[in-house]
Amino acid sequence: QEVHVHLVCAIPNGLLLEFYRETVDPLRMQIFQEPMVLDAEGNVPVPKRPGLGFTPNYELLERYRVG
């Protein structure tokens, strides 16, 4: 869902972004070093860092690697 932030911002009819809470996806808040969070108004701020703006938590991902 982090990648979708950029898609929603890039298209003229991008009005809504699905945001799964931890109760739906318990690992979601741990997959990235800077997790995507809602602001006080319920909006998701667009990251200001380079690229997609999210740094994967490689240590966590390594535990779930297959192969």
PDB file of N, CA and C in Angstrom:
ATOM      1  N   GLN A   1       0.809  -1.192   0.000  1.00  0.00           N
ATOM      2  CA  GLN A   1       0.000   0.000   0.000  1.00  0.00           C
ATOM      3  C   GLN A   1       0.857   1.262   0.000  1.00  0.00           C
ATOM      4  N   GLU A   2       2.117   1.160   0.458  1.00  0.00           N
ATOM      5  CA  GLU A   2       2.997   2.327   0.445  1.00  0.00           C
ATOM      6  C   GLU A   2       3.226   2.850  -0.970  1.00  0.00           C
ATOM      7  N   VAL A   3       3.352   1.963  -1.921  1.00  0.00           N
ATOM      8  CA  VAL A   3       3.572   2.372  -3.313  1.00  0.00           C
ATOM      9  C   VAL A   3       2.341   3.082  -3.866  1.00  0.00           C
ATOM     10  N   HIS A   4       1.178   2.735  -3.385  1.00  0.00           N
ATOM     11  CA  HIS A   4      -0.056   3.330  -3.890  1.00  0.00           C
ATOM     12  C   HIS A   4      -0.176   4.813  -3.560  1.00  0.00           C
ATOM     13  N   VAL A   5       0.532   5.281  -2.546  1.00  0.00           N
ATOM     14  CA  VAL A   5       0.507   6.711  -2.211  1.00  0.00           C
ATOM     15  C   VAL A   5       0.902   7.528  -3.434  1.00  0.00           C
ATOM     16  N   HIS A   6       1.952   7.115  -4.117  1.00  0.00           N
ATOM     17  CA  HIS A   6       2.431   7.850  -5.287  1.00  0.00           C
ATOM     18  C   HIS A   6       1.460   7.735  -6.455  1.00  0.00           C
ATOM     19  N   LEU A   7       0.856   6.574  -6.628  1.00  0.00           N
ATOM     20  CA  LEU A   7      -0.122   6.385  -7.699  1.00  0.00           C
ATOM     21  C   LEU A   7      -1.323   7.294  -7.495  1.00  0.00           C
ATOM     22  N   VAL A   8      -1.857   7.321  -6.292  1.00  0.00           N
ATOM     23  CA  VAL A   8      -3.022   8.152  -5.997  1.00  0.00           C
ATOM     24  C   VAL A   8      -2.705   9.630  -6.224  1.00  0.00           C
ATOM     25  N   CYS A   9      -1.494  10.047  -5.914  1.00  0.00           N
ATOM     26  CA  CYS A   9      -1.095  11.445  -6.123  1.00  0.00           C
ATOM     27  C   CYS A   9      -0.882  11.772  -7.598  1.00  0.00           C
ATOM     28  N   ALA A  10      -0.570  10.762  -8.399  1.00  0.00           N
ATOM     29  CA  ALA A  10      -0.207  11.002  -9.795  1.00  0.00           C
ATOM     30  C   ALA A  10      -1.393  11.008 -10.752  1.00  0.00           C
ATOM     31  N   ILE A  11      -2.519  10.461 -10.348  1.00  0.00           N
ATOM     32  CA  ILE A  11      -3.655  10.398 -11.268  1.00  0.00           C
ATOM     33  C   ILE A  11      -4.721  11.411 -10.847  1.00  0.00           C
ATOM     34  N   PRO A  12      -5.399  12.019 -11.830  1.00  0.00           N
ATOM     35  CA  PRO A  12      -6.350  13.082 -11.508  1.00  0.00           C
ATOM     36  C   PRO A  12      -7.571  12.615 -10.708  1.00  0.00           C
ATOM     37  N   ASN A  13      -7.936  11.350 -10.818  1.00  0.00           N
ATOM     38  CA  ASN A  13      -9.110  10.881 -10.083  1.00  0.00           C
ATOM     39  C   ASN A  13      -8.727  10.014  -8.885  1.00  0.00           C
ATOM     40  N   GLY A  14      -7.515  10.189  -8.381  1.00  0.00           N
ATOM     41  CA  GLY A  14      -7.066   9.426  -7.212  1.00  0.00           C
ATOM     42  C   GLY A  14      -7.576  10.065  -5.937  1.00  0.00           C
ATOM     43  N   LEU A  15      -8.712   9.614  -5.479  1.00  0.00           N
ATOM     44  CA  LEU A  15      -9.336  10.236  -4.308  1.00  0.00           C
ATOM     45  C   LEU A  15      -9.128   9.456  -3.015  1.00  0.00           C
ATOM     46  N   LEU A  16      -9.014   8.143  -3.120  1.00  0.00           N
ATOM     47  CA  LEU A  16      -8.951   7.320  -1.917  1.00  0.00           C
ATOM     48  C   LEU A  16      -7.740   6.404  -1.940  1.00  0.00           C
ATOM     49  N   LEU A  17      -7.223   6.139  -0.773  1.00  0.00           N
ATOM     50  CA  LEU A  17      -6.108   5.215  -0.600  1.00  0.00           C
ATOM     51  C   LEU A  17      -6.519   4.199   0.455  1.00  0.00           C
ATOM     52  N   GLU A  18      -6.422   2.915   0.117  1.00  0.00           N
ATOM     53  CA  GLU A  18      -6.710   1.889   1.111  1.00  0.00           C
ATOM     54  C   GLU A  18      -5.610   1.912   2.168  1.00  0.00           C
ATOM     55  N   PHE A  19      -6.011   1.889   3.400  1.00  0.00           N
ATOM     56  CA  PHE A  19      -5.057   1.912   4.511  1.00  0.00           C
ATOM     57  C   PHE A  19      -5.423   0.782   5.456  1.00  0.00           C
ATOM     58  N   TYR A  20      -4.593  -0.248   5.490  1.00  0.00           N
ATOM     59  CA  TYR A  20      -4.851  -1.394   6.357  1.00  0.00           C
ATOM     60  C   TYR A  20      -4.231  -1.160   7.726  1.00  0.00           C
ATOM     61  N   ARG A  21      -5.027  -1.294   8.730  1.00  0.00           N
ATOM     62  CA  ARG A  21      -4.529  -1.158  10.098  1.00  0.00           C
ATOM     63  C   ARG A  21      -3.804  -2.435  10.519  1.00  0.00           C
ATOM     64  N   GLU A  22      -3.092  -2.356  11.621  1.00  0.00           N
ATOM     65  CA  GLU A  22      -2.324  -3.505  12.117  1.00  0.00           C
ATOM     66  C   GLU A  22      -3.203  -4.709  12.422  1.00  0.00           C
ATOM     67  N   THR A  23      -4.461  -4.477  12.746  1.00  0.00           N
ATOM     68  CA  THR A  23      -5.347  -5.604  13.045  1.00  0.00           C
ATOM     69  C   THR A  23      -5.605  -6.453  11.805  1.00  0.00           C
ATOM     70  N   VAL A  24      -5.524  -5.862  10.636  1.00  0.00           N
ATOM     71  CA  VAL A  24      -5.717  -6.588   9.379  1.00  0.00           C
ATOM     72  C   VAL A  24      -4.411  -7.227   8.931  1.00  0.00           C
ATOM     73  N   ASP A  25      -3.316  -6.487   9.047  1.00  0.00           N
ATOM     74  CA  ASP A  25      -1.998  -6.960   8.610  1.00  0.00           C
ATOM     75  C   ASP A  25      -0.986  -6.644   9.713  1.00  0.00           C
ATOM     76  N   PRO A  26      -0.780  -7.571  10.649  1.00  0.00           N
ATOM     77  CA  PRO A  26       0.085  -7.298  11.808  1.00  0.00           C
ATOM     78  C   PRO A  26       1.520  -6.892  11.458  1.00  0.00           C
ATOM     79  N   LEU A  27       2.051  -7.327  10.331  1.00  0.00           N
ATOM     80  CA  LEU A  27       3.434  -6.991   9.974  1.00  0.00           C
ATOM     81  C   LEU A  27       3.564  -5.649   9.250  1.00  0.00           C
ATOM     82  N   ARG A  28       2.452  -5.062   8.869  1.00  0.00           N
ATOM     83  CA  ARG A  28       2.502  -3.855   8.050  1.00  0.00           C
ATOM     84  C   ARG A  28       3.321  -2.732   8.683  1.00  0.00           C
ATOM     85  N   MET A  29       3.215  -2.541   9.968  1.00  0.00           N
ATOM     86  CA  MET A  29       3.931  -1.452  10.632  1.00  0.00           C
ATOM     87  C   MET A  29       5.408  -1.762  10.833  1.00  0.00           C
ATOM     88  N   GLN A  30       5.823  -2.994  10.520  1.00  0.00           N
ATOM     89  CA  GLN A  30       7.210  -3.388  10.728  1.00  0.00           C
ATOM     90  C   GLN A  30       7.987  -3.563   9.427  1.00  0.00           C
ATOM     91  N   ILE A  31       7.292  -3.667   8.298  1.00  0.00           N
ATOM     92  CA  ILE A  31       7.948  -3.960   7.017  1.00  0.00           C
ATOM     93  C   ILE A  31       8.884  -2.835   6.589  1.00  0.00           C
ATOM     94  N   PHE A  32       8.520  -1.601   6.905  1.00  0.00           N
ATOM     95  CA  PHE A  32       9.344  -0.451   6.541  1.00  0.00           C
ATOM     96  C   PHE A  32       9.885   0.215   7.798  1.00  0.00           C
ATOM     97  N   GLN A  33      11.064   0.817   7.681  1.00  0.00           N
ATOM     98  CA  GLN A  33      11.684   1.475   8.834  1.00  0.00           C
ATOM     99  C   GLN A  33      10.883   2.688   9.281  1.00  0.00           C
ATOM    100  N   GLU A  34      10.253   3.375   8.343  1.00  0.00           N
ATOM    101  CA  GLU A  34       9.397   4.524   8.655  1.00  0.00           C
ATOM    102  C   GLU A  34       7.989   4.156   8.200  1.00  0.00           C
ATOM    103  N   PRO A  35       7.175   3.554   9.056  1.00  0.00           N
ATOM    104  CA  PRO A  35       5.857   3.088   8.621  1.00  0.00           C
ATOM    105  C   PRO A  35       4.935   4.231   8.210  1.00  0.00           C
ATOM    106  N   MET A  36       4.053   3.927   7.279  1.00  0.00           N
ATOM    107  CA  MET A  36       3.064   4.887   6.817  1.00  0.00           C
ATOM    108  C   MET A  36       1.997   5.017   7.908  1.00  0.00           C
ATOM    109  N   VAL A  37       1.727   6.231   8.327  1.00  0.00           N
ATOM    110  CA  VAL A  37       0.740   6.467   9.381  1.00  0.00           C
ATOM    111  C   VAL A  37      -0.224   7.558   8.938  1.00  0.00           C
ATOM    112  N   LEU A  38      -1.390   7.549   9.525  1.00  0.00           N
ATOM    113  CA  LEU A  38      -2.378   8.590   9.250  1.00  0.00           C
ATOM    114  C   LEU A  38      -2.058   9.822  10.087  1.00  0.00           C
ATOM    115  N   ASP A  39      -2.301  11.007   9.511  1.00  0.00           N
ATOM    116  CA  ASP A  39      -2.127  12.224  10.300  1.00  0.00           C
ATOM    117  C   ASP A  39      -3.401  12.479  11.108  1.00  0.00           C
ATOM    118  N   ALA A  40      -3.467  13.588  11.802  1.00  0.00           N
ATOM    119  CA  ALA A  40      -4.601  13.890  12.677  1.00  0.00           C
ATOM    120  C   ALA A  40      -5.920  13.996  11.922  1.00  0.00           C
ATOM    121  N   GLU A  41      -5.863  14.331  10.632  1.00  0.00           N
ATOM    122  CA  GLU A  41      -7.075  14.474   9.828  1.00  0.00           C
ATOM    123  C   GLU A  41      -7.435  13.198   9.073  1.00  0.00           C
ATOM    124  N   GLY A  42      -6.669  12.130   9.285  1.00  0.00           N
ATOM    125  CA  GLY A  42      -6.952  10.871   8.606  1.00  0.00           C
ATOM    126  C   GLY A  42      -6.339  10.759   7.229  1.00  0.00           C
ATOM    127  N   ASN A  43      -5.391  11.629   6.911  1.00  0.00           N
ATOM    128  CA  ASN A  43      -4.707  11.595   5.622  1.00  0.00           C
ATOM    129  C   ASN A  43      -3.357  10.902   5.756  1.00  0.00           C
ATOM    130  N   VAL A  44      -2.868  10.383   4.637  1.00  0.00           N
ATOM    131  CA  VAL A  44      -1.538   9.780   4.604  1.00  0.00           C
ATOM    132  C   VAL A  44      -0.596  10.782   3.950  1.00  0.00           C
ATOM    133  N   PRO A  45       0.366  11.322   4.671  1.00  0.00           N
ATOM    134  CA  PRO A  45       1.311  12.262   4.058  1.00  0.00           C
ATOM    135  C   PRO A  45       2.200  11.551   3.035  1.00  0.00           C
ATOM    136  N   VAL A  46       2.504  12.236   1.940  1.00  0.00           N
ATOM    137  CA  VAL A  46       3.400  11.690   0.923  1.00  0.00           C
ATOM    138  C   VAL A  46       4.828  11.805   1.447  1.00  0.00           C
ATOM    139  N   PRO A  47       5.604  10.726   1.379  1.00  0.00           N
ATOM    140  CA  PRO A  47       6.988  10.786   1.868  1.00  0.00           C
ATOM    141  C   PRO A  47       7.813  11.815   1.106  1.00  0.00           C
ATOM    142  N   LYS A  48       8.713  12.465   1.788  1.00  0.00           N
ATOM    143  CA  LYS A  48       9.570  13.474   1.166  1.00  0.00           C
ATOM    144  C   LYS A  48      10.972  12.939   0.898  1.00  0.00           C
ATOM    145  N   ARG A  49      11.214  11.687   1.247  1.00  0.00           N
ATOM    146  CA  ARG A  49      12.515  11.067   1.007  1.00  0.00           C
ATOM    147  C   ARG A  49      12.634  10.642  -0.450  1.00  0.00           C
ATOM    148  N   PRO A  50      13.841  10.406  -0.948  1.00  0.00           N
ATOM    149  CA  PRO A  50      14.040  10.022  -2.354  1.00  0.00           C
ATOM    150  C   PRO A  50      13.367   8.694  -2.706  1.00  0.00           C
ATOM    151  N   GLY A  51      13.142   8.501  -3.990  1.00  0.00           N
ATOM    152  CA  GLY A  51      12.530   7.263  -4.480  1.00  0.00           C
ATOM    153  C   GLY A  51      11.098   7.154  -4.006  1.00  0.00           C
ATOM    154  N   LEU A  52      10.718   5.974  -3.582  1.00  0.00           N
ATOM    155  CA  LEU A  52       9.364   5.787  -3.063  1.00  0.00           C
ATOM    156  C   LEU A  52       9.206   6.384  -1.675  1.00  0.00           C
ATOM    157  N   GLY A  53      10.324   6.678  -1.023  1.00  0.00           N
ATOM    158  CA  GLY A  53      10.270   7.325   0.280  1.00  0.00           C
ATOM    159  C   GLY A  53      10.157   6.378   1.456  1.00  0.00           C
ATOM    160  N   PHE A  54      10.282   5.096   1.203  1.00  0.00           N
ATOM    161  CA  PHE A  54      10.188   4.107   2.270  1.00  0.00           C
ATOM    162  C   PHE A  54      11.410   3.215   2.232  1.00  0.00           C
ATOM    163  N   THR A  55      12.014   2.970   3.375  1.00  0.00           N
ATOM    164  CA  THR A  55      13.178   2.093   3.476  1.00  0.00           C
ATOM    165  C   THR A  55      12.725   0.766   4.066  1.00  0.00           C
ATOM    166  N   PRO A  56      12.909  -0.338   3.322  1.00  0.00           N
ATOM    167  CA  PRO A  56      12.489  -1.637   3.850  1.00  0.00           C
ATOM    168  C   PRO A  56      13.262  -2.016   5.110  1.00  0.00           C
ATOM    169  N   ASN A  57      12.613  -2.737   5.968  1.00  0.00           N
ATOM    170  CA  ASN A  57      13.246  -3.291   7.158  1.00  0.00           C
ATOM    171  C   ASN A  57      13.818  -4.645   6.735  1.00  0.00           C
ATOM    172  N   TYR A  58      15.043  -4.636   6.236  1.00  0.00           N
ATOM    173  CA  TYR A  58      15.650  -5.840   5.673  1.00  0.00           C
ATOM    174  C   TYR A  58      15.815  -6.942   6.716  1.00  0.00           C
ATOM    175  N   GLU A  59      16.046  -6.574   7.956  1.00  0.00           N
ATOM    176  CA  GLU A  59      16.198  -7.576   9.013  1.00  0.00           C
ATOM    177  C   GLU A  59      14.903  -8.381   9.174  1.00  0.00           C
ATOM    178  N   LEU A  60      13.784  -7.700   9.192  1.00  0.00           N
ATOM    179  CA  LEU A  60      12.495  -8.382   9.297  1.00  0.00           C
ATOM    180  C   LEU A  60      12.223  -9.209   8.046  1.00  0.00           C
ATOM    181  N   LEU A  61      12.453  -8.633   6.879  1.00  0.00           N
ATOM    182  CA  LEU A  61      12.176  -9.338   5.631  1.00  0.00           C
ATOM    183  C   LEU A  61      13.027 -10.591   5.485  1.00  0.00           C
ATOM    184  N   GLU A  62      14.242 -10.560   5.999  1.00  0.00           N
ATOM    185  CA  GLU A  62      15.127 -11.725   5.920  1.00  0.00           C
ATOM    186  C   GLU A  62      14.520 -12.926   6.662  1.00  0.00           C
ATOM    187  N   ARG A  63      13.828 -12.654   7.750  1.00  0.00           N
ATOM    188  CA  ARG A  63      13.208 -13.746   8.518  1.00  0.00           C
ATOM    189  C   ARG A  63      12.117 -14.464   7.730  1.00  0.00           C
ATOM    190  N   TYR A  64      11.498 -13.768   6.775  1.00  0.00           N
ATOM    191  CA  TYR A  64      10.393 -14.339   6.010  1.00  0.00           C
ATOM    192  C   TYR A  64      10.787 -14.702   4.583  1.00  0.00           C
ATOM    193  N   ARG A  65      12.072 -14.642   4.289  1.00  0.00           N
ATOM    194  CA  ARG A  65      12.561 -14.943   2.941  1.00  0.00           C
ATOM    195  C   ARG A  65      12.362 -16.427   2.640  1.00  0.00           C
ATOM    196  N   VAL A  66      11.980 -16.706   1.405  1.00  0.00           N
ATOM    197  CA  VAL A  66      11.814 -18.081   0.947  1.00  0.00           C
ATOM    198  C   VAL A  66      12.876 -18.344  -0.095  1.00  0.00           C
ATOM    199  N   GLY A  67      13.625 -19.411   0.077  1.00  0.00           N
ATOM    200  CA  GLY A  67      14.629 -19.779  -0.931  1.00  0.00           C
ATOM    201  C   GLY A  67      16.002 -19.249  -0.683  1.00  0.00           C
TER     202      GLY A  67
END
